[in-house]
Amino acid sequence: MATQPTQPPPQQPYYGAAMPPLPAPTGELVVFLLAWLVVFLVTIIADSVDWPAFVTATTLLAAAFVLSRGIAKAGKVLENR
């Protein structure tokens, strides 16, 4: 009597590696979020600051954040030379 060869179990599909952990927030991001929170609270509490001023302040803070990240990345490029 011949035995039937057993079939290997079906292969599971490979969807790639697990997601990497989130990196720690940079100092610039923490300062940006704290400054934005202060501007947001001032906008809510103070009557003299309106929402267009909040949007303007948010835009300026975001531009400063992007500029600081660019300077930080440029500094790392120069260090590696």
N, C-alpha and C. Protein backbone atom coordinates (compact mmCIF):
# COMPACT_ATOMS: atom_id res chain seq x y z
N MET A 1 0.82 -1.15 0.00
CA MET A 1 0.00 0.00 0.00
C MET A 1 0.88 1.25 0.00
N ALA A 2 0.63 2.12 -0.91
CA ALA A 2 1.42 3.34 -1.05
C ALA A 2 0.78 4.45 -0.22
N THR A 3 1.63 5.22 0.45
CA THR A 3 1.10 6.35 1.22
C THR A 3 1.11 7.59 0.35
N GLN A 4 0.11 8.38 0.50
CA GLN A 4 0.01 9.64 -0.24
C GLN A 4 0.94 10.66 0.40
N PRO A 5 1.69 11.40 -0.43
CA PRO A 5 2.53 12.46 0.16
C PRO A 5 1.63 13.56 0.73
N THR A 6 2.02 14.10 1.86
CA THR A 6 1.21 15.15 2.48
C THR A 6 1.48 16.48 1.78
N GLN A 7 0.44 17.25 1.68
CA GLN A 7 0.54 18.58 1.07
C GLN A 7 1.13 19.55 2.09
N PRO A 8 2.03 20.44 1.65
CA PRO A 8 2.53 21.45 2.59
C PRO A 8 1.40 22.43 2.91
N PRO A 9 1.43 23.03 4.08
CA PRO A 9 0.38 23.99 4.42
C PRO A 9 0.45 25.18 3.46
N PRO A 10 -0.69 25.81 3.19
CA PRO A 10 -0.67 26.96 2.28
C PRO A 10 0.15 28.11 2.86
N GLN A 11 0.83 28.81 1.98
CA GLN A 11 1.67 29.93 2.40
C GLN A 11 0.80 31.14 2.73
N GLN A 12 1.17 31.84 3.79
CA GLN A 12 0.48 33.08 4.13
C GLN A 12 1.01 34.19 3.25
N PRO A 13 0.15 35.08 2.78
CA PRO A 13 0.66 36.19 1.96
C PRO A 13 1.53 37.12 2.79
N TYR A 14 2.53 37.69 2.15
CA TYR A 14 3.46 38.59 2.81
C TYR A 14 3.06 40.02 2.48
N TYR A 15 2.73 40.78 3.48
CA TYR A 15 2.30 42.16 3.28
C TYR A 15 3.38 43.16 3.67
N GLY A 16 4.57 42.72 3.85
CA GLY A 16 5.66 43.62 4.22
C GLY A 16 5.91 43.56 5.72
N ALA A 17 6.93 44.25 6.13
CA ALA A 17 7.31 44.26 7.53
C ALA A 17 6.32 45.10 8.33
N ALA A 18 6.34 44.94 9.62
CA ALA A 18 5.48 45.73 10.49
C ALA A 18 5.90 47.19 10.43
N MET A 19 4.97 48.07 10.77
CA MET A 19 5.28 49.49 10.75
C MET A 19 6.36 49.81 11.77
N PRO A 20 7.32 50.64 11.40
CA PRO A 20 8.35 51.02 12.37
C PRO A 20 7.74 51.91 13.44
N PRO A 21 8.35 51.97 14.60
CA PRO A 21 7.81 52.84 15.66
C PRO A 21 7.94 54.30 15.26
N LEU A 22 7.06 55.12 15.83
CA LEU A 22 7.12 56.55 15.54
C LEU A 22 8.38 57.15 16.16
N PRO A 23 9.04 58.06 15.44
CA PRO A 23 10.23 58.68 16.02
C PRO A 23 9.84 59.65 17.14
N ALA A 24 10.76 59.92 18.00
CA ALA A 24 10.53 60.87 19.09
C ALA A 24 10.35 62.26 18.49
N PRO A 25 9.46 63.07 19.08
CA PRO A 25 9.27 64.42 18.53
C PRO A 25 10.54 65.26 18.72
N THR A 26 10.79 66.10 17.75
CA THR A 26 11.96 66.98 17.82
C THR A 26 11.67 68.15 18.74
N GLY A 27 12.72 68.82 19.14
CA GLY A 27 12.56 70.00 19.98
C GLY A 27 11.79 71.10 19.29
N GLU A 28 12.01 71.24 17.99
CA GLU A 28 11.29 72.27 17.24
C GLU A 28 9.80 71.99 17.22
N LEU A 29 9.43 70.71 17.11
CA LEU A 29 8.00 70.36 17.09
C LEU A 29 7.35 70.65 18.43
N VAL A 30 8.04 70.35 19.50
CA VAL A 30 7.49 70.62 20.84
C VAL A 30 7.30 72.12 21.03
N VAL A 31 8.28 72.91 20.64
CA VAL A 31 8.17 74.37 20.77
C VAL A 31 7.03 74.89 19.90
N PHE A 32 6.91 74.37 18.67
CA PHE A 32 5.83 74.79 17.79
C PHE A 32 4.47 74.49 18.40
N LEU A 33 4.30 73.27 18.92
CA LEU A 33 3.00 72.89 19.49
C LEU A 33 2.67 73.71 20.74
N LEU A 34 3.66 73.97 21.59
CA LEU A 34 3.41 74.79 22.77
C LEU A 34 3.07 76.23 22.38
N ALA A 35 3.80 76.79 21.42
CA ALA A 35 3.50 78.16 20.98
C ALA A 35 2.12 78.23 20.33
N TRP A 36 1.77 77.22 19.55
CA TRP A 36 0.45 77.19 18.92
C TRP A 36 -0.64 77.10 19.97
N LEU A 37 -0.42 76.30 21.00
CA LEU A 37 -1.40 76.17 22.07
C LEU A 37 -1.59 77.49 22.81
N VAL A 38 -0.50 78.21 23.06
CA VAL A 38 -0.60 79.51 23.72
C VAL A 38 -1.38 80.50 22.84
N VAL A 39 -1.08 80.54 21.56
CA VAL A 39 -1.80 81.44 20.65
C VAL A 39 -3.27 81.05 20.58
N PHE A 40 -3.57 79.76 20.57
CA PHE A 40 -4.95 79.30 20.54
C PHE A 40 -5.70 79.73 21.80
N LEU A 41 -5.07 79.54 22.95
CA LEU A 41 -5.72 79.95 24.20
C LEU A 41 -5.92 81.45 24.28
N VAL A 42 -4.93 82.23 23.83
CA VAL A 42 -5.08 83.69 23.82
C VAL A 42 -6.22 84.09 22.90
N THR A 43 -6.37 83.41 21.76
CA THR A 43 -7.44 83.73 20.83
C THR A 43 -8.80 83.43 21.47
N ILE A 44 -8.90 82.35 22.21
CA ILE A 44 -10.18 82.01 22.84
C ILE A 44 -10.49 82.95 24.00
N ILE A 45 -9.48 83.29 24.81
CA ILE A 45 -9.71 84.06 26.03
C ILE A 45 -9.82 85.55 25.77
N ALA A 46 -8.94 86.10 24.97
CA ALA A 46 -8.89 87.56 24.78
C ALA A 46 -9.90 88.00 23.74
N ASP A 47 -10.54 89.13 24.01
CA ASP A 47 -11.50 89.68 23.05
C ASP A 47 -10.81 90.46 21.94
N SER A 48 -9.59 90.90 22.18
CA SER A 48 -8.91 91.73 21.17
C SER A 48 -8.27 90.90 20.06
N VAL A 49 -8.15 89.58 20.25
CA VAL A 49 -7.55 88.72 19.23
C VAL A 49 -8.67 87.92 18.58
N ASP A 50 -8.79 88.06 17.25
CA ASP A 50 -9.87 87.35 16.55
C ASP A 50 -9.29 86.18 15.76
N TRP A 51 -10.16 85.43 15.10
CA TRP A 51 -9.73 84.22 14.40
C TRP A 51 -8.82 84.49 13.20
N PRO A 52 -9.03 85.58 12.44
CA PRO A 52 -8.03 85.84 11.38
C PRO A 52 -6.62 86.08 11.93
N ALA A 53 -6.52 86.70 13.09
CA ALA A 53 -5.21 86.89 13.71
C ALA A 53 -4.63 85.54 14.13
N PHE A 54 -5.49 84.64 14.60
CA PHE A 54 -5.04 83.29 14.96
C PHE A 54 -4.50 82.56 13.74
N VAL A 55 -5.20 82.67 12.62
CA VAL A 55 -4.75 82.00 11.40
C VAL A 55 -3.41 82.59 10.94
N THR A 56 -3.27 83.89 11.04
CA THR A 56 -2.01 84.54 10.67
C THR A 56 -0.87 84.06 11.59
N ALA A 57 -1.14 84.01 12.89
CA ALA A 57 -0.12 83.55 13.82
C ALA A 57 0.24 82.09 13.57
N THR A 58 -0.76 81.26 13.27
CA THR A 58 -0.49 79.86 12.97
C THR A 58 0.37 79.73 11.72
N THR A 59 0.07 80.52 10.71
CA THR A 59 0.86 80.49 9.47
C THR A 59 2.31 80.89 9.74
N LEU A 60 2.51 81.94 10.53
CA LEU A 60 3.87 82.39 10.84
C LEU A 60 4.61 81.34 11.69
N LEU A 61 3.91 80.73 12.65
CA LEU A 61 4.55 79.69 13.45
C LEU A 61 4.93 78.49 12.60
N ALA A 62 4.06 78.10 11.68
CA ALA A 62 4.35 76.96 10.81
C ALA A 62 5.53 77.27 9.90
N ALA A 63 5.60 78.50 9.38
CA ALA A 63 6.72 78.88 8.53
C ALA A 63 8.03 78.85 9.32
N ALA A 64 7.98 79.32 10.56
CA ALA A 64 9.18 79.29 11.40
C ALA A 64 9.60 77.86 11.71
N PHE A 65 8.62 76.97 11.92
CA PHE A 65 8.92 75.57 12.18
C PHE A 65 9.59 74.92 10.97
N VAL A 66 9.04 75.15 9.79
CA VAL A 66 9.61 74.58 8.57
C VAL A 66 11.02 75.12 8.35
N LEU A 67 11.21 76.40 8.58
CA LEU A 67 12.54 77.00 8.43
C LEU A 67 13.53 76.40 9.42
N SER A 68 13.10 76.21 10.67
CA SER A 68 14.02 75.63 11.67
C SER A 68 14.37 74.19 11.33
N ARG A 69 13.42 73.42 10.81
CA ARG A 69 13.71 72.04 10.41
C ARG A 69 14.68 72.03 9.22
N GLY A 70 14.52 72.96 8.30
CA GLY A 70 15.44 73.04 7.17
C GLY A 70 16.85 73.36 7.62
N ILE A 71 16.96 74.27 8.58
CA ILE A 71 18.29 74.62 9.10
C ILE A 71 18.89 73.43 9.82
N ALA A 72 18.08 72.69 10.58
CA ALA A 72 18.59 71.53 11.30
C ALA A 72 19.06 70.45 10.34
N LYS A 73 18.30 70.21 9.27
CA LYS A 73 18.70 69.19 8.30
C LYS A 73 19.94 69.63 7.52
N ALA A 74 20.03 70.91 7.22
CA ALA A 74 21.22 71.41 6.53
C ALA A 74 22.46 71.26 7.40
N GLY A 75 22.30 71.46 8.71
CA GLY A 75 23.42 71.28 9.62
C GLY A 75 23.89 69.84 9.68
N LYS A 76 22.95 68.90 9.59
CA LYS A 76 23.34 67.49 9.60
C LYS A 76 24.05 67.10 8.33
N VAL A 77 23.65 67.68 7.21
CA VAL A 77 24.32 67.39 5.94
C VAL A 77 25.76 67.89 5.99
N LEU A 78 25.96 69.07 6.55
CA LEU A 78 27.32 69.63 6.63
C LEU A 78 28.19 68.84 7.60
N GLU A 79 27.59 68.28 8.66
CA GLU A 79 28.36 67.47 9.61
C GLU A 79 28.89 66.19 8.97
N ASN A 80 28.16 65.63 8.03
CA ASN A 80 28.53 64.35 7.43
C ASN A 80 29.59 64.47 6.35
N ARG A 81 30.01 65.65 6.05
CA ARG A 81 31.03 65.82 4.99
C ARG A 81 32.40 65.55 5.50
